[in-house]
N, C-alpha and C. Protein backbone atom coordinates (compact mmCIF):
# COMPACT_ATOMS: atom_id res chain seq x y z
N MET A 1 -41.36 10.86 13.34
CA MET A 1 -40.33 10.62 14.26
C MET A 1 -39.55 12.04 14.23
N GLY A 2 -39.78 12.80 15.48
CA GLY A 2 -39.35 14.04 15.68
C GLY A 2 -37.82 14.17 15.65
N SER A 3 -37.14 13.00 15.85
CA SER A 3 -35.61 13.17 16.05
C SER A 3 -35.00 13.23 14.63
N MET A 4 -35.71 12.99 13.58
CA MET A 4 -35.22 13.04 12.17
C MET A 4 -34.79 14.33 11.80
N THR A 5 -33.78 14.81 11.18
CA THR A 5 -33.23 16.15 10.87
C THR A 5 -33.99 16.55 9.72
N ASP A 6 -34.06 17.73 9.28
CA ASP A 6 -34.72 18.32 8.14
C ASP A 6 -33.99 17.68 6.86
N ASP A 7 -32.68 17.60 6.97
CA ASP A 7 -31.87 17.07 5.86
C ASP A 7 -32.33 15.63 5.53
N THR A 8 -32.48 14.92 6.59
CA THR A 8 -32.96 13.30 6.41
C THR A 8 -34.21 13.33 5.69
N ASP A 9 -35.18 14.13 6.10
CA ASP A 9 -36.45 14.14 5.64
C ASP A 9 -36.47 14.54 4.18
N GLU A 10 -35.51 15.65 3.99
CA GLU A 10 -35.42 15.98 2.46
C GLU A 10 -34.92 14.80 1.60
N VAL A 11 -33.99 14.13 2.11
CA VAL A 11 -33.19 13.05 1.20
C VAL A 11 -34.37 12.06 1.09
N LEU A 12 -35.18 11.58 2.08
CA LEU A 12 -36.06 10.52 2.08
C LEU A 12 -37.32 11.03 1.08
N ALA A 13 -37.62 12.40 1.10
CA ALA A 13 -38.64 12.73 0.19
C ALA A 13 -38.27 12.70 -1.25
N GLU A 14 -36.91 12.66 -1.43
CA GLU A 14 -36.44 12.42 -2.88
C GLU A 14 -36.38 11.15 -3.45
N VAL A 15 -36.37 10.23 -2.57
CA VAL A 15 -36.25 8.81 -2.82
C VAL A 15 -37.39 8.24 -3.77
N GLY A 16 -38.58 8.59 -3.61
CA GLY A 16 -39.70 8.24 -4.41
C GLY A 16 -39.62 8.58 -5.76
N PRO A 17 -39.45 9.93 -6.13
CA PRO A 17 -39.17 10.23 -7.64
C PRO A 17 -37.97 9.66 -8.17
N ARG A 18 -36.90 9.51 -7.43
CA ARG A 18 -35.82 8.67 -7.89
C ARG A 18 -36.08 7.38 -8.37
N LEU A 19 -36.65 6.47 -7.45
CA LEU A 19 -37.13 5.14 -7.72
C LEU A 19 -37.86 5.09 -8.88
N ARG A 20 -38.89 6.08 -9.06
CA ARG A 20 -39.65 5.99 -10.44
C ARG A 20 -38.74 6.23 -11.52
N ARG A 21 -37.95 7.20 -11.43
CA ARG A 21 -37.12 7.55 -12.55
C ARG A 21 -36.28 6.20 -13.01
N ILE A 22 -35.70 5.79 -12.02
CA ILE A 22 -34.72 4.53 -12.31
C ILE A 22 -35.48 3.37 -12.97
N ARG A 23 -36.64 3.08 -12.35
CA ARG A 23 -37.42 2.02 -12.83
C ARG A 23 -37.77 2.40 -14.31
N LYS A 24 -38.34 3.57 -14.62
CA LYS A 24 -38.70 3.92 -15.99
C LYS A 24 -37.56 3.81 -17.00
N GLU A 25 -36.42 4.41 -16.42
CA GLU A 25 -35.17 4.26 -17.32
C GLU A 25 -34.92 2.84 -17.75
N ARG A 26 -35.07 1.78 -16.92
CA ARG A 26 -34.77 0.58 -17.03
C ARG A 26 -36.05 -0.19 -17.85
N GLY A 27 -37.10 0.49 -18.10
CA GLY A 27 -38.21 0.01 -18.63
C GLY A 27 -38.93 -1.08 -17.93
N ALA A 28 -38.85 -1.07 -16.56
CA ALA A 28 -39.56 -1.96 -15.72
C ALA A 28 -40.95 -1.51 -15.32
N THR A 29 -41.76 -2.53 -15.24
CA THR A 29 -43.04 -2.00 -14.59
C THR A 29 -43.24 -2.51 -13.24
N LEU A 30 -44.13 -1.80 -12.51
CA LEU A 30 -44.40 -2.05 -11.12
C LEU A 30 -44.57 -3.55 -10.85
N ALA A 31 -45.31 -4.29 -11.84
CA ALA A 31 -45.54 -5.70 -11.66
C ALA A 31 -44.23 -6.38 -11.85
N GLY A 32 -43.44 -6.04 -12.70
CA GLY A 32 -42.17 -6.80 -13.01
C GLY A 32 -41.25 -6.60 -11.65
N LEU A 33 -41.24 -5.30 -11.37
CA LEU A 33 -40.42 -5.07 -10.24
C LEU A 33 -40.99 -5.80 -8.96
N SER A 34 -42.19 -5.99 -8.78
CA SER A 34 -42.86 -6.76 -7.72
C SER A 34 -42.38 -8.18 -7.72
N ALA A 35 -42.53 -8.69 -8.93
CA ALA A 35 -42.03 -10.15 -9.00
C ALA A 35 -40.66 -10.33 -8.85
N ALA A 36 -39.79 -9.36 -9.17
CA ALA A 36 -38.28 -9.53 -8.96
C ALA A 36 -37.92 -9.23 -7.52
N THR A 37 -38.69 -8.52 -6.71
CA THR A 37 -38.24 -8.11 -5.39
C THR A 37 -39.11 -8.87 -4.20
N GLY A 38 -40.43 -9.32 -4.68
CA GLY A 38 -41.26 -9.83 -3.71
C GLY A 38 -42.04 -8.69 -2.83
N ILE A 39 -41.93 -7.61 -3.29
CA ILE A 39 -42.68 -6.31 -2.53
C ILE A 39 -43.91 -6.20 -3.45
N SER A 40 -44.97 -5.95 -2.85
CA SER A 40 -46.29 -5.97 -3.53
C SER A 40 -46.34 -4.51 -4.26
N VAL A 41 -47.08 -4.65 -5.45
CA VAL A 41 -47.21 -3.63 -6.25
C VAL A 41 -47.71 -2.39 -5.47
N SER A 42 -48.79 -2.48 -4.50
CA SER A 42 -49.22 -1.36 -3.91
C SER A 42 -48.21 -0.58 -2.98
N THR A 43 -47.37 -1.55 -2.33
CA THR A 43 -46.12 -0.86 -1.59
C THR A 43 -45.23 -0.18 -2.48
N LEU A 44 -44.82 -0.77 -3.64
CA LEU A 44 -43.95 -0.22 -4.50
C LEU A 44 -44.45 1.14 -5.16
N SER A 45 -45.93 1.21 -5.32
CA SER A 45 -46.48 2.34 -5.68
C SER A 45 -46.54 3.55 -4.64
N ARG A 46 -46.83 3.05 -3.41
CA ARG A 46 -46.76 4.11 -2.44
C ARG A 46 -45.39 4.72 -2.11
N LEU A 47 -44.48 3.66 -2.30
CA LEU A 47 -43.11 4.13 -2.02
C LEU A 47 -42.62 5.14 -3.15
N GLU A 48 -42.97 4.97 -4.40
CA GLU A 48 -42.62 5.95 -5.34
C GLU A 48 -43.47 7.21 -5.33
N SER A 49 -44.65 7.25 -4.70
CA SER A 49 -45.44 8.49 -4.75
C SER A 49 -45.20 9.24 -3.33
N GLY A 50 -44.18 8.50 -2.44
CA GLY A 50 -43.78 9.26 -1.17
C GLY A 50 -44.82 8.88 -0.12
N LEU A 51 -45.85 7.97 -0.30
CA LEU A 51 -46.84 7.81 0.87
C LEU A 51 -46.06 6.76 1.67
N ARG A 52 -45.26 5.95 1.41
CA ARG A 52 -44.60 4.96 2.11
C ARG A 52 -43.21 5.46 2.42
N ARG A 53 -42.79 5.43 3.60
CA ARG A 53 -41.45 5.86 3.99
C ARG A 53 -40.52 4.72 3.65
N PRO A 54 -39.38 5.09 2.94
CA PRO A 54 -38.40 4.22 2.45
C PRO A 54 -37.61 3.49 3.68
N SER A 55 -37.39 2.21 3.52
CA SER A 55 -36.55 1.62 4.53
C SER A 55 -35.55 0.70 3.88
N LEU A 56 -34.63 0.19 4.65
CA LEU A 56 -33.53 -0.63 4.03
C LEU A 56 -34.18 -1.86 3.47
N GLU A 57 -35.13 -2.43 4.34
CA GLU A 57 -35.78 -3.86 3.75
C GLU A 57 -36.44 -3.68 2.41
N LEU A 58 -36.98 -2.39 2.16
CA LEU A 58 -37.49 -2.15 0.86
C LEU A 58 -36.37 -1.71 -0.26
N LEU A 59 -35.43 -0.99 0.12
CA LEU A 59 -34.53 -0.53 -0.79
C LEU A 59 -33.51 -1.55 -1.31
N LEU A 60 -33.10 -2.38 -0.27
CA LEU A 60 -32.09 -3.21 -0.79
C LEU A 60 -32.48 -4.16 -1.81
N PRO A 61 -33.80 -4.80 -1.84
CA PRO A 61 -34.04 -5.60 -2.93
C PRO A 61 -34.29 -4.86 -4.23
N ILE A 62 -34.71 -3.46 -4.16
CA ILE A 62 -35.02 -2.86 -5.22
C ILE A 62 -33.72 -2.42 -5.82
N ALA A 63 -32.55 -2.13 -4.99
CA ALA A 63 -31.20 -1.73 -5.73
C ALA A 63 -30.82 -2.99 -6.42
N ARG A 64 -30.99 -4.19 -5.88
CA ARG A 64 -30.59 -5.40 -6.47
C ARG A 64 -31.25 -5.71 -7.76
N ALA A 65 -32.59 -5.57 -7.77
CA ALA A 65 -33.16 -5.77 -8.80
C ALA A 65 -33.01 -4.89 -10.08
N HIS A 66 -32.74 -3.60 -9.69
CA HIS A 66 -32.15 -2.51 -10.73
C HIS A 66 -30.69 -2.58 -11.02
N GLN A 67 -29.95 -3.37 -10.15
CA GLN A 67 -28.37 -3.46 -10.29
C GLN A 67 -27.69 -2.09 -10.13
N VAL A 68 -28.25 -1.37 -9.21
CA VAL A 68 -27.63 -0.01 -9.00
C VAL A 68 -27.15 0.07 -7.34
N PRO A 69 -26.19 0.79 -7.22
CA PRO A 69 -25.75 0.87 -5.78
C PRO A 69 -26.82 1.65 -4.94
N LEU A 70 -26.91 1.11 -3.69
CA LEU A 70 -27.84 1.74 -2.88
C LEU A 70 -27.79 3.27 -2.77
N ASP A 71 -26.61 3.77 -2.70
CA ASP A 71 -26.58 5.33 -2.64
C ASP A 71 -27.24 6.02 -3.96
N GLU A 72 -27.44 5.41 -4.90
CA GLU A 72 -27.90 5.85 -6.13
C GLU A 72 -29.45 6.05 -5.96
N LEU A 73 -30.00 5.14 -5.25
CA LEU A 73 -31.58 5.14 -4.84
C LEU A 73 -31.70 6.38 -3.70
N VAL A 74 -30.78 6.28 -3.00
CA VAL A 74 -30.98 7.28 -1.73
C VAL A 74 -30.55 8.62 -2.22
N GLY A 75 -29.54 8.75 -3.16
CA GLY A 75 -29.04 10.11 -3.50
C GLY A 75 -28.08 10.60 -2.53
N ALA A 76 -26.81 9.98 -2.72
CA ALA A 76 -25.74 10.44 -1.94
C ALA A 76 -25.67 11.94 -2.21
N PRO A 77 -25.04 12.75 -1.16
CA PRO A 77 -24.65 14.13 -1.44
C PRO A 77 -23.87 14.33 -2.77
N PRO A 78 -24.19 15.24 -3.55
CA PRO A 78 -23.37 15.46 -4.88
C PRO A 78 -21.97 15.78 -4.50
N VAL A 79 -21.04 15.25 -5.36
CA VAL A 79 -19.59 15.45 -5.17
C VAL A 79 -19.46 16.83 -5.71
N THR A 80 -18.65 17.72 -5.04
CA THR A 80 -18.39 18.95 -5.65
C THR A 80 -17.34 18.98 -6.77
N ASP A 81 -17.29 19.77 -7.69
CA ASP A 81 -16.48 19.82 -8.89
C ASP A 81 -14.86 19.82 -8.33
N PRO A 82 -14.36 18.80 -8.69
CA PRO A 82 -12.88 18.66 -8.03
C PRO A 82 -11.83 19.62 -8.92
N ARG A 83 -12.12 20.10 -10.09
CA ARG A 83 -11.43 20.82 -10.88
C ARG A 83 -10.87 22.21 -10.19
N VAL A 84 -9.55 22.56 -10.18
CA VAL A 84 -9.02 23.70 -9.69
C VAL A 84 -9.02 24.80 -10.80
N ARG A 85 -9.80 25.64 -10.79
CA ARG A 85 -9.98 26.73 -11.88
C ARG A 85 -9.08 27.86 -11.39
N ALA A 86 -7.94 27.91 -11.89
CA ALA A 86 -7.11 29.22 -11.48
C ALA A 86 -6.61 29.92 -12.56
N GLU A 87 -6.47 31.12 -12.59
CA GLU A 87 -6.01 32.03 -13.67
C GLU A 87 -4.51 31.82 -13.68
N PRO A 88 -3.92 31.69 -14.83
CA PRO A 88 -2.42 31.64 -14.93
C PRO A 88 -1.78 32.87 -14.68
N LEU A 89 -0.58 32.82 -14.00
CA LEU A 89 0.15 34.02 -13.55
C LEU A 89 1.47 34.05 -14.41
N VAL A 90 1.69 35.15 -14.86
CA VAL A 90 3.01 35.43 -15.61
C VAL A 90 3.93 36.14 -14.82
N ARG A 91 5.12 35.60 -14.49
CA ARG A 91 6.30 36.08 -13.73
C ARG A 91 7.55 35.94 -14.61
N HIS A 92 8.22 37.08 -14.68
CA HIS A 92 9.66 36.80 -15.28
C HIS A 92 9.48 36.21 -16.79
N GLY A 93 8.33 36.38 -17.40
CA GLY A 93 8.28 35.80 -18.73
C GLY A 93 7.84 34.37 -18.83
N ARG A 94 7.59 33.75 -17.42
CA ARG A 94 7.17 32.41 -17.31
C ARG A 94 5.69 32.30 -17.09
N THR A 95 5.00 31.32 -17.40
CA THR A 95 3.54 31.18 -16.97
C THR A 95 3.26 30.10 -16.10
N PHE A 96 2.64 30.48 -14.86
CA PHE A 96 2.45 29.59 -13.86
C PHE A 96 0.95 29.18 -13.71
N TRP A 97 0.51 27.97 -13.57
CA TRP A 97 -0.81 27.65 -13.53
C TRP A 97 -0.93 27.02 -11.97
N PRO A 98 -1.48 27.64 -11.04
CA PRO A 98 -1.63 27.12 -9.70
C PRO A 98 -2.56 25.78 -9.78
N LEU A 99 -1.99 24.69 -9.25
CA LEU A 99 -2.70 23.44 -9.09
C LEU A 99 -3.39 22.98 -7.81
N THR A 100 -3.06 23.90 -6.74
CA THR A 100 -3.53 23.76 -5.51
C THR A 100 -4.38 25.09 -5.07
N ARG A 101 -5.25 24.87 -4.19
CA ARG A 101 -5.95 26.07 -3.72
C ARG A 101 -5.62 26.62 -2.37
N GLN A 102 -5.25 25.81 -1.47
CA GLN A 102 -5.11 26.21 -0.08
C GLN A 102 -3.77 27.10 0.07
N PRO A 103 -3.86 28.25 0.97
CA PRO A 103 -2.77 29.06 1.10
C PRO A 103 -1.81 28.33 2.01
N GLY A 104 -0.47 28.62 2.03
CA GLY A 104 0.50 27.94 2.87
C GLY A 104 0.69 26.52 2.59
N GLY A 105 1.57 25.88 3.26
CA GLY A 105 1.80 24.32 3.16
C GLY A 105 2.24 24.10 1.57
N LEU A 106 2.02 22.88 1.10
CA LEU A 106 2.65 22.55 -0.23
C LEU A 106 1.82 23.28 -1.25
N GLN A 107 2.64 23.83 -2.32
CA GLN A 107 2.12 24.47 -3.42
C GLN A 107 2.48 23.62 -4.62
N ALA A 108 1.55 23.50 -5.62
CA ALA A 108 1.76 22.80 -6.94
C ALA A 108 1.51 23.83 -8.03
N PHE A 109 2.43 23.76 -9.01
CA PHE A 109 2.22 24.69 -10.13
C PHE A 109 2.73 23.74 -11.55
N LYS A 110 1.91 24.10 -12.53
CA LYS A 110 2.35 23.83 -13.78
C LYS A 110 3.02 24.98 -14.36
N VAL A 111 4.27 24.80 -14.97
CA VAL A 111 5.08 26.09 -15.41
C VAL A 111 5.45 25.78 -16.84
N LEU A 112 5.31 26.86 -17.60
CA LEU A 112 5.84 26.95 -19.01
C LEU A 112 6.93 28.00 -19.18
N VAL A 113 8.02 27.56 -19.46
CA VAL A 113 9.27 28.29 -19.82
C VAL A 113 9.45 28.56 -21.23
N PRO A 114 9.22 29.85 -21.84
CA PRO A 114 9.38 29.93 -23.20
C PRO A 114 10.90 29.81 -23.63
N GLN A 115 11.08 29.54 -25.03
CA GLN A 115 12.34 29.64 -25.63
C GLN A 115 12.98 31.01 -25.46
N ARG A 116 14.10 31.09 -24.99
CA ARG A 116 14.83 32.38 -24.88
C ARG A 116 16.28 32.18 -24.35
N ALA A 117 17.11 33.01 -24.62
CA ALA A 117 18.59 33.03 -24.13
C ALA A 117 18.46 33.61 -22.67
N GLU A 118 18.84 32.78 -21.59
CA GLU A 118 18.81 33.32 -20.35
C GLU A 118 19.99 33.10 -19.60
N GLU A 119 20.51 34.05 -18.95
CA GLU A 119 21.75 33.93 -18.08
C GLU A 119 21.32 33.47 -16.56
N PRO A 120 21.69 32.38 -16.06
CA PRO A 120 21.24 31.84 -14.70
C PRO A 120 21.60 32.85 -13.84
N GLU A 121 20.64 33.15 -12.83
CA GLU A 121 20.68 34.03 -11.73
C GLU A 121 20.37 33.20 -10.59
N LEU A 122 21.52 32.72 -9.83
CA LEU A 122 21.09 31.62 -8.77
C LEU A 122 20.49 32.41 -7.62
N ARG A 123 19.59 31.91 -6.84
CA ARG A 123 19.13 32.49 -5.68
C ARG A 123 18.81 31.51 -4.63
N THR A 124 18.48 31.87 -3.43
CA THR A 124 18.24 30.95 -2.32
C THR A 124 17.01 31.40 -1.51
N HIS A 125 16.38 30.71 -0.93
CA HIS A 125 15.16 30.94 -0.11
C HIS A 125 14.84 29.68 0.83
N GLU A 126 13.98 29.92 1.77
CA GLU A 126 13.54 28.75 2.75
C GLU A 126 12.67 27.95 1.82
N GLY A 127 12.81 26.61 1.91
CA GLY A 127 11.87 25.70 1.28
C GLY A 127 12.47 24.53 0.79
N TYR A 128 11.67 23.74 0.01
CA TYR A 128 11.97 22.59 -0.55
C TYR A 128 11.28 22.33 -1.95
N GLU A 129 12.00 22.04 -3.00
CA GLU A 129 11.24 21.97 -4.15
C GLU A 129 11.39 20.67 -4.92
N TRP A 130 10.34 20.27 -5.75
CA TRP A 130 10.39 19.09 -6.46
C TRP A 130 9.98 19.36 -7.79
N LEU A 131 10.70 19.06 -9.00
CA LEU A 131 10.39 19.33 -10.34
C LEU A 131 10.24 18.09 -11.04
N TYR A 132 9.23 18.11 -11.98
CA TYR A 132 8.94 16.98 -12.92
C TYR A 132 8.82 17.44 -14.36
N VAL A 133 9.68 17.30 -15.19
CA VAL A 133 9.66 17.87 -16.69
C VAL A 133 8.56 17.17 -17.41
N LEU A 134 7.58 17.92 -18.01
CA LEU A 134 6.50 17.33 -18.86
C LEU A 134 6.88 17.17 -20.33
N SER A 135 7.52 18.31 -20.78
CA SER A 135 7.93 18.33 -22.15
C SER A 135 9.01 19.43 -22.36
N GLY A 136 9.80 19.10 -23.43
CA GLY A 136 10.87 20.08 -23.77
C GLY A 136 12.13 19.66 -22.79
N ARG A 137 13.13 20.70 -22.83
CA ARG A 137 14.31 20.59 -22.14
C ARG A 137 14.39 21.73 -21.10
N LEU A 138 14.72 21.43 -19.89
CA LEU A 138 14.78 22.34 -18.85
C LEU A 138 16.17 22.43 -18.27
N ARG A 139 16.82 23.65 -18.30
CA ARG A 139 18.26 23.69 -17.61
C ARG A 139 18.02 24.02 -16.14
N VAL A 140 18.74 23.21 -15.36
CA VAL A 140 18.62 23.22 -13.99
C VAL A 140 20.13 23.50 -13.49
N VAL A 141 20.23 24.54 -12.72
CA VAL A 141 21.51 24.88 -12.07
C VAL A 141 21.35 24.79 -10.56
N LEU A 142 22.13 23.95 -9.94
CA LEU A 142 22.11 23.83 -8.37
C LEU A 142 23.50 23.78 -7.93
N ALA A 143 23.82 25.05 -7.28
CA ALA A 143 25.31 25.09 -6.71
C ALA A 143 26.22 24.84 -8.03
N GLU A 144 27.13 23.83 -7.97
CA GLU A 144 28.01 23.61 -9.02
C GLU A 144 27.55 22.83 -10.00
N HIS A 145 26.24 22.32 -9.94
CA HIS A 145 25.65 21.31 -10.86
C HIS A 145 24.97 22.17 -11.96
N ASP A 146 25.22 21.88 -13.26
CA ASP A 146 24.49 22.55 -14.31
C ASP A 146 24.07 21.34 -15.32
N VAL A 147 22.70 21.01 -15.25
CA VAL A 147 22.20 19.90 -15.94
C VAL A 147 21.11 20.32 -16.85
N VAL A 148 20.74 19.54 -17.74
CA VAL A 148 19.74 19.64 -18.80
C VAL A 148 18.73 18.51 -18.54
N MET A 149 17.53 18.89 -18.08
CA MET A 149 16.49 17.61 -17.74
C MET A 149 15.54 17.63 -18.82
N THR A 150 14.99 16.45 -19.19
CA THR A 150 14.10 16.07 -20.33
C THR A 150 12.77 15.52 -19.84
N ALA A 151 11.86 15.32 -20.66
CA ALA A 151 10.65 14.75 -20.20
C ALA A 151 10.71 13.60 -19.52
N GLY A 152 10.05 13.55 -18.37
CA GLY A 152 10.01 12.30 -17.45
C GLY A 152 10.97 12.39 -16.46
N GLU A 153 11.78 13.34 -16.33
CA GLU A 153 12.79 13.46 -15.37
C GLU A 153 12.43 14.32 -14.28
N ALA A 154 12.93 13.96 -12.95
CA ALA A 154 12.49 14.67 -11.79
C ALA A 154 13.70 15.13 -11.11
N ALA A 155 13.51 16.10 -10.31
CA ALA A 155 14.71 16.66 -9.35
C ALA A 155 14.10 17.17 -8.18
N GLU A 156 14.77 17.02 -7.03
CA GLU A 156 14.41 17.64 -5.72
C GLU A 156 15.41 18.07 -5.10
N PHE A 157 15.34 19.28 -4.31
CA PHE A 157 16.41 19.94 -3.81
C PHE A 157 15.95 20.92 -2.68
N ASP A 158 16.84 21.21 -1.75
CA ASP A 158 16.73 22.22 -0.68
C ASP A 158 16.83 23.56 -1.29
N THR A 159 15.81 24.50 -1.17
CA THR A 159 16.00 25.81 -1.83
C THR A 159 16.87 26.76 -1.23
N ARG A 160 17.55 26.31 -0.04
CA ARG A 160 18.54 27.13 0.55
C ARG A 160 19.91 26.90 -0.14
N VAL A 161 19.89 25.96 -1.01
CA VAL A 161 21.00 25.81 -1.89
C VAL A 161 20.88 26.77 -3.04
N PRO A 162 21.80 27.52 -3.57
CA PRO A 162 21.68 28.41 -4.71
C PRO A 162 21.28 27.73 -5.86
N HIS A 163 20.15 28.21 -6.51
CA HIS A 163 19.60 27.35 -7.69
C HIS A 163 18.92 28.33 -8.69
N TRP A 164 18.76 27.86 -9.97
CA TRP A 164 18.00 28.39 -10.95
C TRP A 164 17.67 27.33 -11.98
N PHE A 165 16.45 27.64 -12.60
CA PHE A 165 16.07 26.80 -13.80
C PHE A 165 15.47 27.67 -14.82
N GLY A 166 15.70 27.31 -16.04
CA GLY A 166 14.99 27.97 -17.13
C GLY A 166 15.20 27.38 -18.49
N SER A 167 15.14 28.11 -19.52
CA SER A 167 15.22 27.62 -21.00
C SER A 167 16.69 27.20 -21.28
N THR A 168 16.91 26.37 -22.16
CA THR A 168 18.09 25.99 -22.54
C THR A 168 18.39 26.69 -23.85
N GLY A 169 17.41 27.53 -24.43
CA GLY A 169 17.40 28.16 -25.57
C GLY A 169 17.10 27.35 -26.75
N GLU A 170 16.73 26.03 -26.58
CA GLU A 170 16.33 25.18 -27.61
C GLU A 170 14.72 24.85 -27.58
N GLY A 171 13.99 25.83 -27.31
CA GLY A 171 12.53 25.54 -27.45
C GLY A 171 11.90 25.74 -26.00
N PRO A 172 10.67 25.63 -25.93
CA PRO A 172 9.95 25.93 -24.53
C PRO A 172 10.07 24.60 -23.69
N ALA A 173 9.81 24.77 -22.53
CA ALA A 173 9.86 23.50 -21.52
C ALA A 173 8.45 23.56 -20.59
N GLU A 174 8.12 22.66 -20.34
CA GLU A 174 6.89 22.67 -19.40
C GLU A 174 7.17 21.67 -18.38
N PHE A 175 6.98 22.10 -17.00
CA PHE A 175 7.30 21.24 -15.97
C PHE A 175 6.29 21.45 -14.79
N LEU A 176 6.20 20.40 -14.02
CA LEU A 176 5.39 20.54 -12.78
C LEU A 176 6.32 21.01 -11.48
N SER A 177 5.91 21.76 -10.59
CA SER A 177 6.72 22.17 -9.59
C SER A 177 5.88 22.09 -8.17
N LEU A 178 6.54 21.37 -7.36
CA LEU A 178 5.76 21.23 -6.05
C LEU A 178 6.83 21.88 -5.07
N PHE A 179 6.34 22.99 -4.32
CA PHE A 179 7.17 23.70 -3.50
C PHE A 179 6.52 23.73 -1.97
N GLY A 180 7.49 23.30 -1.07
CA GLY A 180 6.78 23.32 0.15
C GLY A 180 7.73 24.06 1.26
N PRO A 181 7.36 24.33 2.53
CA PRO A 181 7.94 25.03 3.33
C PRO A 181 9.25 24.16 3.89
N GLN A 182 10.29 24.61 4.27
CA GLN A 182 11.53 23.94 4.67
C GLN A 182 11.17 22.68 5.59
N GLY A 183 11.60 21.64 5.26
CA GLY A 183 11.30 20.21 5.99
C GLY A 183 10.08 19.49 5.43
N GLU A 184 9.33 20.12 4.50
CA GLU A 184 8.20 19.30 3.93
C GLU A 184 8.61 18.76 2.54
N ARG A 185 9.36 17.48 2.76
CA ARG A 185 10.04 16.77 1.60
C ARG A 185 8.99 16.10 0.80
N MET A 186 9.21 16.04 -0.52
CA MET A 186 8.36 15.29 -1.38
C MET A 186 9.09 13.90 -1.75
N HIS A 187 8.45 12.79 -1.28
CA HIS A 187 9.05 11.55 -1.66
C HIS A 187 8.34 10.88 -2.80
N VAL A 188 9.07 10.55 -3.90
CA VAL A 188 8.55 9.81 -4.95
C VAL A 188 8.85 8.31 -4.66
N ARG A 189 7.75 7.54 -4.56
CA ARG A 189 7.80 6.18 -4.25
C ARG A 189 7.62 5.47 -5.68
N ALA A 190 8.66 4.81 -6.04
CA ALA A 190 8.75 3.82 -7.24
C ALA A 190 9.43 2.65 -7.21
N ARG A 191 9.15 1.53 -7.93
CA ARG A 191 9.76 0.52 -7.85
C ARG A 191 11.08 0.61 -8.72
N PRO A 192 12.06 0.22 -8.06
CA PRO A 192 13.39 0.11 -8.94
C PRO A 192 13.25 -0.55 -10.37
N LYS A 193 13.86 0.03 -11.25
CA LYS A 193 13.70 -0.63 -12.62
C LYS A 193 14.41 -2.04 -12.64
N LYS A 194 13.83 -2.98 -13.25
CA LYS A 194 14.50 -4.31 -13.45
C LYS A 194 15.64 -4.30 -14.14
N ALA A 195 16.82 -5.01 -13.77
CA ALA A 195 18.00 -4.90 -14.54
C ALA A 195 17.76 -5.68 -15.88
């Protein structure tokens, strides 16, 4: 069939060896698979050796007999490694691990604030920030508010309001920071605690 793409032909060419491997992994014989699927031994053999083009009519009963999803027989495209591998950045004595790859838009970081005596220096800039404390105690100053957040607590604020966060002087703190351009708010949806 001239309309088939090279990619499709490549995928179909890999089905035979994959069928043989899965059958052998399960310790099944061609005769046993034939009995389970109703497909003749010669057809199964030709399928595994690539002489017979795979079709849904053949693959569905084989997938059922092996109890594997159809895409495992056909070989769905491999999923790329989802891990973000980013080098930590050190700024103003704090360590930042970027958790997002795309430039612009919402940025996510894991941040480690070391234990040290710090004087708050409030600053303002465009944007919206959401913080979630993972461990330790984090001092957050927002306009006239001066609070200490502990593990499991979250805060969100408009970064045009004067703000600062850092060490309480009582040990390191680790937190997640989501920062977006102005107007890109982070909404945490959670069920209210039962009274």
